[in-house]
Amino acid sequence: MTTSTVGSALYLTWKCLNGHVVYKWVSQPVLNRGLHGGDLLSAAAIVASGNNFAKIALFAKFMKLNFLGSNTFTNIQRQYVVPSIEELWESKQQDVIRTFQNQDVVILGDGRMDSPGFSAQYCSYTAMDNSSKKILTVKTVDKRETQLKSTTMEKEGFQRVLKELKDKQVKVIEVVTDAHIGIGALMSKYSYVCFEKEYPDIKHSFDIWHAAKNLGKKVVAAGLQKGCKPLQQWSHDIVNHFWYCCQHANTYDEFIDLWASILHHVVNEHEWILPYTIDGQARCLHGPLTEEERTKQWLSKGSQAHDALRKLVLDVRFLGKVSYFLNFRSTAELENFHQLVLMYCAKRFSYTPPVYNARILLAAMDYNENVEKPVKRNKDGSIRYQRNFNKKSGRWAVHPVKEKKSYAHVEQLLEIVAENRLADKAGMGKKVVLAATDPRKIRKTIAPVTPPPTAQLVEKRKKAD
């Protein structure tokens, strides 16, 4: 009996003394044209689990496990895994879109770069339904599609998302984004191109969390100025007041009336003579102050700290953006999705355009499948909570524990991969042809300079040494 390995498969062969093969046994199913089922599913599982081939292959090496080679993995990934992911996404997206067709939908939108700074190659722009938190679509833009300008990729992704939703009869009435300059210009009253609003039927709102965060930074920065240190202790209260105003004001005038009251409250003045708007109130809306609030150091009216706060509160540019906050929308749930994307597209690895897009789609399917996970309950029916410590705030907090995640979409994916292989008559040996939409057709690399031959670079290095 002799043993041999092919990829991750083990072969046992029995021969008689004359060299005739009596029986041959293999540890895995052998598919058409000799591809082993274990190799096919291993390659698919590596991608579906968000793993990296090099690390899994290294694990197998340390364990002395036979494993498929890198070329086989690359061929399987390109030929079967990536197309299968796209096929499954199209099917699942249709089911999601169908529930929103011909309805008024508020979407949350945000872009995610594959690397920090201005060196990103990919930007994936996601559109999420505000009520159900389901991902409706996600579009990936390559730097080569925006003339090698990373800063314009998010705007391009935003436009692609809206176009797809419109083509699929999803009526978007409001879109919530961060304060991206390019997107803001598209959604503003007039377009720079045709002097008409680009999307006249869509209201544009800003993420309230980003606005509050920026406001807090401005208050702290103002408090660092000479004579304004007492203002720093009020930063948390001012941000909370901003949240309250955005949540309870329905019009610009209502917001102004509520917002400006902070200028009086911080100097221990809770009633004043004239309101800031015609139908406004000249008093604070809070009840009796607690002892803790009474012992907080009040600002002196007309002091440097009070004047610095007045400039922030009544800043014309800030007040000009109030209309973007009145619906009190947040894109925080998209931040959770972006954290999940890191499992599939870690920023320290590079991927070809089709593979990167496929991994983004995997993250979207994972998220949609588990976004409605129920919370765990104790025996008495109460919600189970888990505590955690926030290093930034220095406080303990609790959050509900959810049931374990489901990966039903992965089982479906593996079935599609196997079916596509069995239906393939040509195999993996055929010439690689880039898709019509592949950005590598625009240019081979994202470098602004065409690469010289390797031999020329080697010769140049030798001379330099």
Protein backbone atom coordinates (compact mmCIF):
# COMPACT_ATOMS: atom_id res chain seq x y z
CA MET A 1 0.00 0.00 0.00
CA THR A 2 1.30 3.47 -0.89
CA THR A 3 0.11 6.94 0.12
CA SER A 4 0.15 10.23 -1.79
CA THR A 5 -1.48 13.63 -1.55
CA VAL A 6 -3.08 15.95 -4.10
CA GLY A 7 -4.00 19.30 -2.61
CA SER A 8 -5.75 18.51 0.64
CA ALA A 9 -6.79 15.02 -0.46
CA LEU A 10 -5.11 11.80 0.71
CA TYR A 11 -4.82 8.85 -1.71
CA LEU A 12 -4.27 5.25 -0.60
CA THR A 13 -3.30 2.79 -3.35
CA TRP A 14 -3.13 -1.00 -3.03
CA LYS A 15 -0.94 -2.90 -5.51
CA CYS A 16 -0.14 -6.57 -5.89
CA LEU A 17 3.43 -7.91 -6.05
CA ASN A 18 3.35 -7.57 -9.82
CA GLY A 19 2.48 -3.87 -9.65
CA HIS A 20 -1.21 -4.13 -10.59
CA VAL A 21 -3.51 -1.60 -8.89
CA VAL A 22 -6.01 -3.53 -6.77
CA TYR A 23 -7.84 -0.58 -5.24
CA LYS A 24 -7.48 3.18 -4.87
CA TRP A 25 -9.14 5.20 -2.11
CA VAL A 26 -9.35 9.00 -1.81
CA SER A 27 -10.38 10.93 1.29
CA GLN A 28 -12.59 13.44 -0.60
CA PRO A 29 -15.22 13.39 -3.34
CA VAL A 30 -13.63 13.95 -6.74
CA LEU A 31 -15.64 16.35 -8.88
CA ASN A 32 -15.58 16.75 -12.65
CA ARG A 33 -12.11 17.02 -14.20
CA GLY A 34 -10.43 15.82 -11.02
CA LEU A 35 -11.04 18.77 -8.69
CA HIS A 36 -11.38 17.61 -5.11
CA GLY A 37 -14.47 18.66 -3.20
CA GLY A 38 -12.44 19.51 -0.11
CA ASP A 39 -10.24 21.93 -2.05
CA LEU A 40 -13.27 23.63 -3.60
CA LEU A 41 -15.11 24.05 -0.30
CA SER A 42 -11.96 25.02 1.61
CA ALA A 43 -11.37 27.90 -0.81
CA ALA A 44 -15.00 28.98 -0.55
CA ALA A 45 -14.98 28.73 3.26
CA ILE A 46 -11.82 30.86 3.55
CA VAL A 47 -13.53 33.73 1.71
CA ALA A 48 -16.95 33.21 3.33
CA SER A 49 -15.44 33.35 6.82
CA GLY A 50 -13.49 36.52 6.05
CA ASN A 51 -10.15 34.76 6.37
CA ASN A 52 -6.92 35.20 4.46
CA PHE A 53 -5.45 32.28 2.48
CA ALA A 54 -1.86 32.92 3.55
CA LYS A 55 -2.73 32.72 7.25
CA ILE A 56 -4.86 29.58 6.88
CA ALA A 57 -2.12 27.95 4.78
CA LEU A 58 0.42 28.83 7.47
CA PHE A 59 -1.84 27.26 10.10
CA ALA A 60 -2.04 24.09 7.98
CA LYS A 61 1.74 24.06 7.60
CA PHE A 62 2.31 24.25 11.36
CA MET A 63 -0.22 21.45 11.89
CA LYS A 64 1.40 19.43 9.07
CA LEU A 65 -1.93 19.25 7.27
CA ASN A 66 -2.07 18.80 3.52
CA PHE A 67 -3.70 21.85 1.96
CA LEU A 68 -4.49 23.28 -1.45
CA GLY A 69 -1.89 25.54 -3.08
CA SER A 70 -2.14 29.29 -3.56
CA ASN A 71 -2.61 29.02 -7.34
CA THR A 72 -5.47 26.55 -6.91
CA PHE A 73 -7.07 28.81 -4.32
CA THR A 74 -6.77 31.87 -6.59
CA ASN A 75 -8.30 29.98 -9.54
CA ILE A 76 -11.21 28.63 -7.48
CA GLN A 77 -11.83 32.03 -5.94
CA ARG A 78 -11.87 33.78 -9.31
CA GLN A 79 -13.79 31.13 -11.23
CA TYR A 80 -16.43 30.00 -8.72
CA VAL A 81 -16.43 31.76 -5.35
CA VAL A 82 -16.66 35.41 -6.47
CA PRO A 83 -19.37 34.79 -9.12
CA SER A 84 -21.34 32.68 -6.61
CA ILE A 85 -21.24 35.48 -4.02
CA GLU A 86 -22.51 37.97 -6.60
CA GLU A 87 -25.26 35.55 -7.64
CA LEU A 88 -26.40 34.98 -4.05
CA TRP A 89 -26.33 38.73 -3.29
CA GLU A 90 -28.51 39.49 -6.31
CA SER A 91 -31.05 36.94 -5.12
CA LYS A 92 -31.13 38.16 -1.53
CA GLN A 93 -31.10 41.83 -2.51
CA GLN A 94 -34.16 41.30 -4.71
CA ASP A 95 -36.03 39.90 -1.70
CA VAL A 96 -35.08 42.95 0.39
CA ILE A 97 -35.82 45.51 -2.34
CA ARG A 98 -39.19 43.95 -3.08
CA THR A 99 -40.48 44.96 0.36
CA PHE A 100 -39.56 48.62 -0.24
CA GLN A 101 -40.68 49.11 -3.82
CA ASN A 102 -43.14 51.97 -4.40
CA GLN A 103 -42.83 53.07 -0.78
CA ASP A 104 -41.45 56.25 0.78
CA VAL A 105 -38.04 55.30 2.17
CA VAL A 106 -35.56 57.18 4.34
CA ILE A 107 -32.05 55.87 3.74
CA LEU A 108 -28.86 56.21 5.75
CA GLY A 109 -25.78 56.57 3.57
CA ASP A 110 -22.07 56.45 4.30
CA GLY A 111 -18.86 55.49 2.54
CA ARG A 112 -16.13 53.22 3.86
CA MET A 113 -12.56 53.51 2.59
CA ASP A 114 -10.28 50.48 2.42
CA SER A 115 -7.42 52.42 4.01
CA PRO A 116 -7.07 55.62 6.05
CA GLY A 117 -6.02 59.00 4.70
CA PHE A 118 -5.95 60.00 1.04
CA SER A 119 -4.35 56.77 -0.25
CA ALA A 120 -7.50 54.65 -0.43
CA GLN A 121 -8.05 52.43 -3.48
CA TYR A 122 -11.67 51.45 -2.80
CA CYS A 123 -14.70 53.18 -1.34
CA SER A 124 -17.82 51.15 -0.58
CA TYR A 125 -20.94 53.28 -0.26
CA THR A 126 -23.84 51.71 1.64
CA ALA A 127 -27.53 52.59 1.67
CA MET A 128 -29.46 51.37 4.71
CA ASP A 129 -33.19 51.67 5.41
CA ASN A 130 -33.70 53.91 8.43
CA SER A 131 -36.56 51.94 9.98
CA SER A 132 -35.61 48.28 9.49
CA LYS A 133 -31.82 48.89 9.30
CA LYS A 134 -31.66 46.53 6.33
CA ILE A 135 -28.93 47.21 3.78
CA LEU A 136 -30.64 48.00 0.48
CA THR A 137 -27.53 48.23 -1.67
CA VAL A 138 -23.79 48.75 -1.49
CA LYS A 139 -21.62 50.02 -4.33
CA THR A 140 -17.82 49.81 -4.47
CA VAL A 141 -15.87 52.46 -6.37
CA ASP A 142 -12.27 51.97 -7.48
CA LYS A 143 -9.82 54.88 -7.49
CA ARG A 144 -9.22 54.31 -11.20
CA GLU A 145 -12.86 55.13 -11.88
CA THR A 146 -12.46 58.64 -10.44
CA GLN A 147 -9.28 59.69 -12.23
CA LEU A 148 -7.13 58.43 -9.32
CA LYS A 149 -8.77 60.89 -6.90
CA SER A 150 -9.65 59.20 -3.59
CA THR A 151 -11.58 62.24 -2.37
CA THR A 152 -14.25 61.93 -5.06
CA MET A 153 -14.96 58.20 -4.64
CA GLU A 154 -17.58 58.69 -1.92
CA LYS A 155 -19.54 61.12 -4.05
CA GLU A 156 -19.45 58.69 -6.98
CA GLY A 157 -20.62 55.83 -4.75
CA PHE A 158 -23.46 57.99 -3.44
CA GLN A 159 -24.70 58.71 -6.97
CA ARG A 160 -24.51 55.03 -7.96
CA VAL A 161 -26.53 54.04 -4.92
CA LEU A 162 -29.31 56.53 -5.63
CA LYS A 163 -29.41 55.54 -9.30
CA GLU A 164 -29.78 51.84 -8.49
CA LEU A 165 -32.55 52.47 -5.96
CA LYS A 166 -34.37 54.67 -8.45
CA ASP A 167 -34.03 52.04 -11.19
CA LYS A 168 -35.51 49.45 -8.82
CA GLN A 169 -38.54 51.63 -8.00
CA VAL A 170 -37.51 52.48 -4.45
CA LYS A 171 -38.82 55.97 -3.69
CA VAL A 172 -36.20 57.73 -1.58
CA ILE A 173 -37.71 60.78 0.15
CA GLU A 174 -34.83 61.54 2.50
CA VAL A 175 -31.14 60.65 2.66
CA VAL A 176 -29.03 60.97 5.81
CA THR A 177 -25.27 61.37 5.45
CA ASP A 178 -22.32 62.96 7.19
CA ALA A 179 -21.34 66.48 6.15
CA HIS A 180 -19.43 65.37 3.05
CA ILE A 181 -18.71 68.45 0.92
CA GLY A 182 -19.19 66.75 -2.46
CA ILE A 183 -22.46 65.10 -1.49
CA GLY A 184 -23.64 68.34 0.11
CA ALA A 185 -23.02 70.15 -3.19
CA LEU A 186 -25.06 67.53 -5.07
CA MET A 187 -27.97 67.84 -2.65
CA SER A 188 -27.83 71.63 -2.31
CA LYS A 189 -30.39 73.98 -3.78
CA TYR A 190 -28.47 74.49 -7.03
CA SER A 191 -26.11 72.26 -8.96
CA TYR A 192 -22.89 73.74 -10.30
CA VAL A 193 -23.53 72.13 -13.68
CA CYS A 194 -27.12 72.94 -14.62
CA PHE A 195 -28.06 75.40 -11.84
CA GLU A 196 -30.94 73.14 -10.83
CA LYS A 197 -31.26 70.85 -7.88
CA GLU A 198 -29.82 67.43 -8.70
CA TYR A 199 -32.30 65.51 -6.54
CA PRO A 200 -35.29 67.87 -6.09
CA ASP A 201 -37.57 65.32 -4.41
CA ILE A 202 -35.10 64.12 -1.78
CA LYS A 203 -34.52 65.87 1.53
CA HIS A 204 -30.93 65.88 2.76
CA SER A 205 -30.26 65.44 6.49
CA PHE A 206 -27.00 65.30 8.41
CA ASP A 207 -26.04 62.67 10.95
CA ILE A 208 -26.79 64.13 14.37
CA TRP A 209 -23.98 62.21 16.09
CA HIS A 210 -21.26 63.73 13.89
CA ALA A 211 -22.75 67.20 14.41
CA ALA A 212 -22.80 66.80 18.19
CA LYS A 213 -19.25 65.44 18.19
CA ASN A 214 -17.96 68.41 16.19
CA LEU A 215 -19.85 70.83 18.44
CA GLY A 216 -18.26 69.27 21.52
CA LYS A 217 -14.80 69.68 19.98
CA LYS A 218 -15.49 73.35 19.26
CA VAL A 219 -16.67 73.99 22.83
CA VAL A 220 -13.56 72.33 24.27
CA ALA A 221 -11.32 74.27 21.86
CA ALA A 222 -13.02 77.53 22.86
CA GLY A 223 -12.52 76.62 26.52
CA LEU A 224 -8.76 76.34 25.96
CA GLN A 225 -8.55 80.00 25.02
CA LYS A 226 -7.23 82.49 27.55
CA GLY A 227 -9.86 83.32 30.16
CA CYS A 228 -12.35 80.72 28.84
CA LYS A 229 -11.40 77.69 30.95
CA PRO A 230 -14.74 77.65 32.90
CA LEU A 231 -16.47 76.90 29.58
CA GLN A 232 -14.95 73.40 29.40
CA GLN A 233 -17.04 72.06 32.28
CA TRP A 234 -20.18 72.93 30.30
CA SER A 235 -19.20 71.06 27.10
CA HIS A 236 -21.19 67.94 27.99
CA ASP A 237 -24.28 69.97 28.92
CA ILE A 238 -24.09 72.05 25.74
CA VAL A 239 -23.89 68.93 23.54
CA ASN A 240 -26.82 67.36 25.40
CA HIS A 241 -28.78 70.59 24.95
CA PHE A 242 -28.08 70.46 21.22
CA TRP A 243 -29.42 66.88 21.10
CA TYR A 244 -32.55 67.97 22.97
CA CYS A 245 -33.17 70.91 20.61
CA CYS A 246 -32.81 68.76 17.47
CA GLN A 247 -35.08 66.09 18.92
CA HIS A 248 -37.90 68.40 20.04
CA ALA A 249 -37.86 71.27 17.54
CA ASN A 250 -39.97 70.88 14.40
CA THR A 251 -39.10 74.20 12.78
CA TYR A 252 -36.13 76.51 12.51
CA ASP A 253 -37.75 79.08 14.85
CA GLU A 254 -38.46 76.44 17.49
CA PHE A 255 -34.85 75.30 17.35
CA ILE A 256 -33.49 78.85 17.69
CA ASP A 257 -35.75 79.55 20.67
CA LEU A 258 -34.64 76.39 22.46
CA TRP A 259 -31.00 76.56 21.42
CA ALA A 260 -30.35 80.17 22.46
CA SER A 261 -31.68 79.50 25.96
CA ILE A 262 -28.33 77.88 26.83
CA LEU A 263 -26.76 81.37 26.85
CA HIS A 264 -28.97 82.29 29.78
CA HIS A 265 -28.88 78.96 31.58
CA VAL A 266 -25.08 78.89 31.94
CA VAL A 267 -25.12 82.25 33.76
CA ASN A 268 -27.86 81.06 36.14
CA GLU A 269 -30.52 83.13 34.38
CA HIS A 270 -33.57 80.96 33.78
CA GLU A 271 -36.06 83.67 32.80
CA TRP A 272 -35.44 86.69 30.59
CA ILE A 273 -37.41 89.56 29.09
CA LEU A 274 -37.81 88.84 25.36
CA PRO A 275 -37.95 85.50 23.51
CA TYR A 276 -35.74 84.91 20.51
CA THR A 277 -38.67 84.21 18.16
CA ILE A 278 -42.23 85.58 17.87
CA ASP A 279 -43.93 82.57 19.43
CA GLY A 280 -41.01 81.59 21.65
CA GLN A 281 -40.66 81.42 25.41
CA ALA A 282 -38.39 83.61 27.51
CA ARG A 283 -37.52 80.95 30.07
CA CYS A 284 -35.74 77.62 30.47
CA LEU A 285 -37.90 74.53 30.09
CA HIS A 286 -36.18 72.48 32.79
CA GLY A 287 -37.68 71.86 36.20
CA PRO A 288 -36.14 72.73 39.57
CA LEU A 289 -32.37 72.27 39.50
CA THR A 290 -30.78 69.52 41.57
CA GLU A 291 -28.09 70.19 44.16
CA GLU A 292 -25.46 68.89 41.76
CA GLU A 293 -26.53 71.36 39.08
CA ARG A 294 -26.68 74.20 41.60
CA THR A 295 -23.10 73.56 42.77
CA LYS A 296 -21.69 73.60 39.22
CA GLN A 297 -19.73 76.77 38.56
CA TRP A 298 -21.88 79.24 36.64
CA LEU A 299 -20.33 81.47 33.99
CA SER A 300 -20.23 85.23 34.53
CA LYS A 301 -22.45 87.15 32.17
CA GLY A 302 -20.35 89.06 29.65
CA SER A 303 -17.15 87.20 30.61
CA GLN A 304 -14.69 85.92 28.01
CA ALA A 305 -16.05 82.38 28.42
CA HIS A 306 -19.63 83.59 27.99
CA ASP A 307 -18.73 85.65 24.92
CA ALA A 308 -16.91 82.65 23.40
CA LEU A 309 -20.01 80.51 23.92
CA ARG A 310 -22.21 83.23 22.39
CA LYS A 311 -20.07 83.18 19.24
CA LEU A 312 -20.51 79.41 18.96
CA VAL A 313 -24.25 79.38 19.67
CA LEU A 314 -25.11 82.24 17.32
CA ASP A 315 -22.58 81.39 14.61
CA VAL A 316 -24.26 82.14 11.26
CA ARG A 317 -22.64 79.20 9.48
CA PHE A 318 -23.72 76.79 12.22
CA LEU A 319 -27.31 78.10 12.28
CA GLY A 320 -27.45 77.83 8.50
CA LYS A 321 -27.21 74.03 8.86
CA VAL A 322 -30.05 73.69 11.38
CA SER A 323 -32.49 72.41 8.74
CA TYR A 324 -30.23 69.38 8.23
CA PHE A 325 -30.65 68.31 11.87
CA LEU A 326 -34.37 68.85 12.55
CA ASN A 327 -35.39 65.28 11.61
CA PHE A 328 -32.97 63.98 14.25
CA ARG A 329 -31.43 61.22 12.14
CA SER A 330 -28.38 59.13 12.94
CA THR A 331 -26.14 56.89 10.83
CA ALA A 332 -24.73 55.10 13.89
CA GLU A 333 -26.02 51.74 12.66
CA LEU A 334 -23.85 52.11 9.56
CA GLU A 335 -20.83 52.43 11.82
CA ASN A 336 -21.71 48.99 13.22
CA PHE A 337 -21.81 47.62 9.68
CA HIS A 338 -18.42 49.13 8.92
CA GLN A 339 -17.01 47.35 11.97
CA LEU A 340 -18.36 44.09 10.56
CA VAL A 341 -16.73 44.84 7.19
CA LEU A 342 -13.35 44.72 8.92
CA MET A 343 -13.90 41.00 9.49
CA TYR A 344 -14.13 40.44 5.73
CA CYS A 345 -11.90 43.25 4.40
CA ALA A 346 -9.15 43.99 6.90
CA LYS A 347 -7.37 47.21 5.97
CA ARG A 348 -3.92 45.64 6.21
CA PHE A 349 -4.57 43.31 3.25
CA SER A 350 -4.96 44.17 -0.43
CA TYR A 351 -7.51 42.58 -2.75
CA THR A 352 -8.26 42.66 -6.47
CA PRO A 353 -11.42 44.63 -7.37
CA PRO A 354 -13.70 41.57 -7.84
CA VAL A 355 -12.52 39.96 -4.59
CA TYR A 356 -12.87 43.18 -2.59
CA ASN A 357 -16.39 43.74 -3.89
CA ALA A 358 -17.33 40.12 -3.14
CA ARG A 359 -16.12 40.45 0.44
CA ILE A 360 -18.16 43.65 0.89
CA LEU A 361 -21.24 41.80 -0.37
CA LEU A 362 -20.55 38.97 2.08
CA ALA A 363 -20.49 41.48 4.92
CA ALA A 364 -23.80 42.95 3.72
CA MET A 365 -25.46 39.51 3.60
CA ASP A 366 -24.09 38.68 7.05
CA TYR A 367 -25.44 41.95 8.42
CA ASN A 368 -28.90 41.63 6.86
CA GLU A 369 -29.28 38.08 8.08
CA ASN A 370 -28.53 39.00 11.69
CA VAL A 371 -29.81 42.58 12.03
CA GLU A 372 -33.09 41.36 13.54
CA LYS A 373 -31.52 38.91 15.98
CA PRO A 374 -33.63 38.60 19.14
CA VAL A 375 -32.15 39.36 22.54
CA LYS A 376 -31.41 36.61 25.02
CA ARG A 377 -33.76 36.25 27.97
CA ASN A 378 -33.32 34.82 31.45
CA LYS A 379 -35.49 32.03 32.84
CA ASP A 380 -37.89 34.57 34.29
CA GLY A 381 -38.34 36.19 30.88
CA SER A 382 -36.29 39.31 31.61
CA ILE A 383 -33.71 40.58 29.11
CA ARG A 384 -30.15 39.41 29.72
CA TYR A 385 -27.61 42.22 29.94
CA GLN A 386 -23.83 42.32 29.87
CA ARG A 387 -21.72 45.04 31.39
CA ASN A 388 -18.72 46.68 29.76
CA PHE A 389 -16.30 49.46 30.66
CA ASN A 390 -15.80 52.42 28.32
CA LYS A 391 -12.20 53.59 28.55
CA LYS A 392 -12.96 56.93 26.94
CA SER A 393 -15.80 57.95 29.24
CA GLY A 394 -14.47 56.04 32.25
CA ARG A 395 -17.91 54.60 32.98
CA TRP A 396 -19.51 51.19 33.24
CA ALA A 397 -22.54 50.52 31.06
CA VAL A 398 -24.76 47.59 30.13
CA HIS A 399 -26.12 46.39 26.81
CA PRO A 400 -28.55 43.56 25.97
CA VAL A 401 -27.05 40.23 24.91
CA LYS A 402 -28.32 38.94 21.57
CA GLU A 403 -28.71 35.37 20.37
CA LYS A 404 -25.90 33.73 18.41
CA LYS A 405 -25.49 34.71 14.78
CA SER A 406 -26.92 32.68 11.94
CA TYR A 407 -24.88 31.82 8.85
CA ALA A 408 -27.58 30.29 6.66
CA HIS A 409 -26.34 32.36 3.71
CA VAL A 410 -22.96 30.57 3.88
CA GLU A 411 -24.61 27.18 3.46
CA GLN A 412 -26.45 28.52 0.43
CA LEU A 413 -23.21 29.95 -0.92
CA LEU A 414 -21.33 26.66 -0.66
CA GLU A 415 -24.14 24.91 -2.53
CA ILE A 416 -24.00 27.48 -5.34
CA VAL A 417 -20.21 27.16 -5.56
CA ALA A 418 -20.47 23.36 -5.93
CA GLU A 419 -23.27 23.66 -8.50
CA ASN A 420 -21.32 26.20 -10.55
CA ARG A 421 -18.29 23.91 -10.59
CA LEU A 422 -20.33 20.89 -11.66
CA ALA A 423 -21.98 22.91 -14.42
CA ASP A 424 -18.65 24.26 -15.71
CA LYS A 425 -17.60 22.58 -18.95
CA ALA A 426 -14.40 24.54 -19.53
CA GLY A 427 -12.69 24.27 -16.13
CA MET A 428 -10.14 26.58 -14.55
CA GLY A 429 -7.55 26.35 -17.31
CA LYS A 430 -9.23 28.84 -19.63
CA LYS A 431 -7.76 32.28 -20.25
CA VAL A 432 -8.67 34.95 -17.70
CA VAL A 433 -10.85 37.67 -19.22
CA LEU A 434 -11.61 40.79 -17.20
CA ALA A 435 -15.25 41.79 -16.86
CA ALA A 436 -16.42 44.86 -18.77
CA THR A 437 -16.83 46.78 -15.49
CA ASP A 438 -13.45 45.77 -14.05
CA PRO A 439 -11.48 48.97 -13.26
CA ARG A 440 -8.25 47.22 -14.27
CA LYS A 441 -9.41 47.78 -17.85
CA ILE A 442 -8.99 51.51 -17.27
CA ARG A 443 -5.38 51.10 -16.12
CA LYS A 444 -3.41 48.17 -14.71
CA THR A 445 -2.30 49.85 -11.47
CA ILE A 446 -3.42 52.76 -9.31
CA ALA A 447 0.02 54.37 -9.54
CA PRO A 448 -0.05 57.72 -11.38
CA VAL A 449 3.17 56.74 -13.20
CA THR A 450 3.40 53.80 -15.61
CA PRO A 451 5.76 51.16 -14.11
CA PRO A 452 9.00 50.55 -16.02
CA PRO A 453 10.19 46.96 -16.70
CA THR A 454 11.42 45.10 -13.59
CA ALA A 455 14.83 44.49 -15.19
CA GLN A 456 15.26 48.22 -15.63
CA LEU A 457 14.46 48.87 -11.96
CA VAL A 458 16.88 46.13 -10.88
CA GLU A 459 19.65 47.63 -13.01
CA LYS A 460 18.95 51.08 -11.55
CA ARG A 461 19.18 49.71 -8.02
CA LYS A 462 22.47 47.99 -8.74
CA LYS A 463 23.95 51.24 -9.97
CA ALA A 464 22.70 53.05 -6.89
CA ASP A 465 24.28 50.45 -4.61
